Amino acid sequence: MILSLVFAALRRPVDQCRFRARDLRSNATDAERHLWQRLRMSQIGGYKFRRQVPIGGYIADFVCPQMKLIIELDGGQHAEQTDYDLQRSRVLLGAGFRVVRYWNDDVLLRTEDVLDDILRALESLKSYSHGNVKSTPPQPSPSLREREGAKATAEEP
């Protein structure tokens, strides 16, 4: 009896995370629904994605298990919780995943650019994994907006 109580207590956080993930799948944001319509059923390069997946005590928005890629969508609240997002990314990186982040408005307004960027990330991980390189995994990507800003300043005379 005591042993079953111990196992139940150990399982509780995992169960809560699974239930929370199920709730998030049922109450997706507009950006999550929009991106999921393009990721589901292996539409991007034949890669399979899952959504709202519990990993390391966190719930990843989208995961490609085959390539160990996590896609996180960030709304306005993420501008105020950078420390939390950094810690979360560290845990996910420690679990062997690469994390790429996009702002919700990038997903909604620049969908094709985001999808191209996701495919590039998947292909770079594919070449990385086939090269049998034993170094640290690639670091999280800057936001699409930051990369576009860097391109714009580089193009200015």
Protein backbone atom coordinates (compact mmCIF):
# COMPACT_ATOMS: atom_id res chain seq x y z
CA MET A 1 0.00 0.00 0.00
CA ILE A 2 2.73 2.48 0.94
CA LEU A 3 4.64 1.58 -2.21
CA SER A 4 1.61 2.33 -4.39
CA LEU A 5 1.24 5.75 -2.71
CA VAL A 6 4.90 6.51 -3.44
CA PHE A 7 4.50 5.56 -7.10
CA ALA A 8 1.32 7.63 -7.34
CA ALA A 9 3.15 10.66 -5.88
CA LEU A 10 6.02 10.23 -8.34
CA ARG A 11 3.64 9.91 -11.28
CA ARG A 12 1.49 12.92 -10.33
CA PRO A 13 3.69 15.66 -11.94
CA VAL A 14 3.93 13.63 -15.16
CA ASP A 15 0.16 13.11 -15.22
CA GLN A 16 -0.46 16.81 -14.56
CA CYS A 17 1.86 17.71 -17.43
CA ARG A 18 0.04 15.28 -19.76
CA PHE A 19 -3.35 16.70 -18.77
CA ARG A 20 -2.08 20.26 -19.23
CA ALA A 21 -0.77 19.32 -22.70
CA ARG A 22 -4.16 17.88 -23.62
CA ASP A 23 -5.82 21.10 -22.44
CA LEU A 24 -3.39 23.20 -24.51
CA ARG A 25 -4.15 21.11 -27.61
CA SER A 26 -7.86 21.78 -27.08
CA ASN A 27 -7.35 25.52 -26.54
CA ALA A 28 -4.67 26.38 -29.10
CA THR A 29 -3.90 29.98 -30.02
CA ASP A 30 -4.64 31.26 -33.52
CA ALA A 31 -0.93 31.07 -34.40
CA GLU A 32 -0.67 27.48 -33.09
CA ARG A 33 -3.72 26.38 -35.10
CA HIS A 34 -2.41 28.14 -38.21
CA LEU A 35 1.05 26.55 -38.00
CA TRP A 36 -0.33 23.13 -37.09
CA GLN A 37 -2.37 23.10 -40.31
CA ARG A 38 0.93 23.39 -42.20
CA LEU A 39 3.01 20.98 -40.05
CA ARG A 40 0.54 18.13 -39.59
CA MET A 41 0.54 15.03 -41.75
CA SER A 42 4.26 15.38 -42.68
CA GLN A 43 3.68 18.34 -45.02
CA ILE A 44 7.08 19.93 -44.39
CA GLY A 45 9.79 17.87 -46.07
CA GLY A 46 8.08 14.64 -45.01
CA TYR A 47 8.90 15.27 -41.32
CA LYS A 48 6.34 14.22 -38.74
CA PHE A 49 5.41 16.69 -36.00
CA ARG A 50 3.49 16.35 -32.76
CA ARG A 51 1.95 19.26 -30.86
CA GLN A 52 1.89 20.18 -27.16
CA VAL A 53 4.33 17.47 -26.08
CA PRO A 54 5.53 17.14 -22.45
CA ILE A 55 9.35 17.09 -22.32
CA GLY A 56 11.47 17.54 -19.20
CA GLY A 57 8.64 19.03 -17.16
CA TYR A 58 7.77 21.57 -19.87
CA ILE A 59 5.29 21.39 -22.73
CA ALA A 60 6.79 22.02 -26.17
CA ASP A 61 4.47 23.63 -28.72
CA PHE A 62 5.60 21.45 -31.65
CA VAL A 63 8.13 18.63 -31.79
CA CYS A 64 9.71 16.71 -34.64
CA PRO A 65 10.84 13.61 -32.71
CA GLN A 66 12.82 12.23 -35.66
CA MET A 67 15.11 15.27 -35.82
CA LYS A 68 14.76 16.31 -32.16
CA LEU A 69 13.57 19.78 -33.15
CA ILE A 70 11.22 21.84 -30.99
CA ILE A 71 9.30 24.80 -32.38
CA GLU A 72 8.09 27.33 -29.82
CA LEU A 73 5.62 30.10 -30.62
CA ASP A 74 5.90 33.20 -28.50
CA GLY A 75 3.20 35.78 -27.82
CA GLY A 76 3.63 39.17 -26.19
CA GLN A 77 3.98 37.70 -22.70
CA HIS A 78 7.32 36.12 -23.68
CA ALA A 79 8.96 39.55 -23.95
CA GLU A 80 8.49 39.81 -20.18
CA GLN A 81 9.60 36.28 -19.26
CA THR A 82 12.97 35.93 -20.97
CA ASP A 83 14.61 34.30 -17.93
CA TYR A 84 11.93 31.58 -17.83
CA ASP A 85 12.27 30.98 -21.59
CA LEU A 86 16.06 30.77 -21.29
CA GLN A 87 15.83 28.19 -18.48
CA ARG A 88 13.23 26.24 -20.45
CA SER A 89 15.46 26.21 -23.54
CA ARG A 90 18.41 25.01 -21.46
CA VAL A 91 16.40 22.07 -20.13
CA LEU A 92 15.17 21.16 -23.61
CA LEU A 93 18.69 21.47 -25.05
CA GLY A 94 19.93 19.27 -22.21
CA ALA A 95 17.38 16.66 -23.30
CA GLY A 96 19.02 16.69 -26.75
CA PHE A 97 16.58 18.94 -28.61
CA ARG A 98 17.23 22.02 -30.70
CA VAL A 99 14.77 24.85 -30.01
CA VAL A 100 13.65 27.42 -32.58
CA ARG A 101 11.31 30.25 -31.62
CA TYR A 102 8.96 32.39 -33.65
CA TRP A 103 6.69 35.26 -32.70
CA ASN A 104 2.98 34.61 -33.19
CA ASP A 105 2.68 37.51 -35.62
CA ASP A 106 5.51 36.06 -37.75
CA VAL A 107 3.58 32.79 -38.00
CA LEU A 108 0.35 34.57 -38.91
CA LEU A 109 1.75 37.24 -41.26
CA ARG A 110 4.89 35.61 -42.70
CA THR A 111 3.91 31.94 -42.71
CA GLU A 112 5.94 30.93 -45.77
CA ASP A 113 9.10 32.52 -44.34
CA VAL A 114 8.60 30.66 -41.06
CA LEU A 115 8.00 27.36 -42.88
CA ASP A 116 11.13 27.88 -45.00
CA ASP A 117 13.11 28.57 -41.85
CA ILE A 118 11.74 25.43 -40.16
CA LEU A 119 12.68 23.33 -43.20
CA ARG A 120 16.20 24.82 -43.17
CA ALA A 121 16.52 23.93 -39.48
CA LEU A 122 15.35 20.37 -40.16
CA GLU A 123 17.74 19.96 -43.09
CA SER A 124 20.67 21.35 -41.08
CA LEU A 125 19.90 18.87 -38.31
CA LYS A 126 19.69 16.10 -40.88
CA SER A 127 23.13 16.92 -42.29
CA TYR A 128 24.43 17.42 -38.75
CA SER A 129 23.21 13.98 -37.64
CA HIS A 130 24.50 12.24 -40.79
CA GLY A 131 27.94 13.78 -40.32
CA ASN A 132 28.35 11.88 -37.03
CA VAL A 133 29.65 15.04 -35.41
CA LYS A 134 30.08 14.62 -31.66
CA SER A 135 29.98 18.27 -30.62
CA THR A 136 27.28 20.31 -28.94
CA PRO A 137 23.98 20.63 -30.82
CA PRO A 138 23.16 23.86 -32.67
CA GLN A 139 22.03 26.74 -30.49
CA PRO A 140 18.49 28.20 -30.52
CA SER A 141 17.81 30.42 -33.47
CA PRO A 142 17.17 34.14 -33.11
CA SER A 143 13.66 35.24 -33.93
CA LEU A 144 12.74 35.77 -37.55
CA ARG A 145 12.27 39.44 -36.79
CA GLU A 146 15.84 39.70 -35.41
CA ARG A 147 17.30 37.96 -38.47
CA GLU A 148 15.33 40.21 -40.83
CA GLY A 149 16.53 43.25 -38.89
CA ALA A 150 20.12 42.04 -39.21
CA LYS A 151 19.66 41.56 -42.98
CA ALA A 152 18.17 45.06 -43.35
CA THR A 153 21.07 46.73 -41.50
CA ALA A 154 23.62 44.71 -43.49
CA GLU A 155 22.03 45.83 -46.77
CA GLU A 156 22.05 49.53 -45.87
CA PRO A 157 24.94 51.55 -47.41
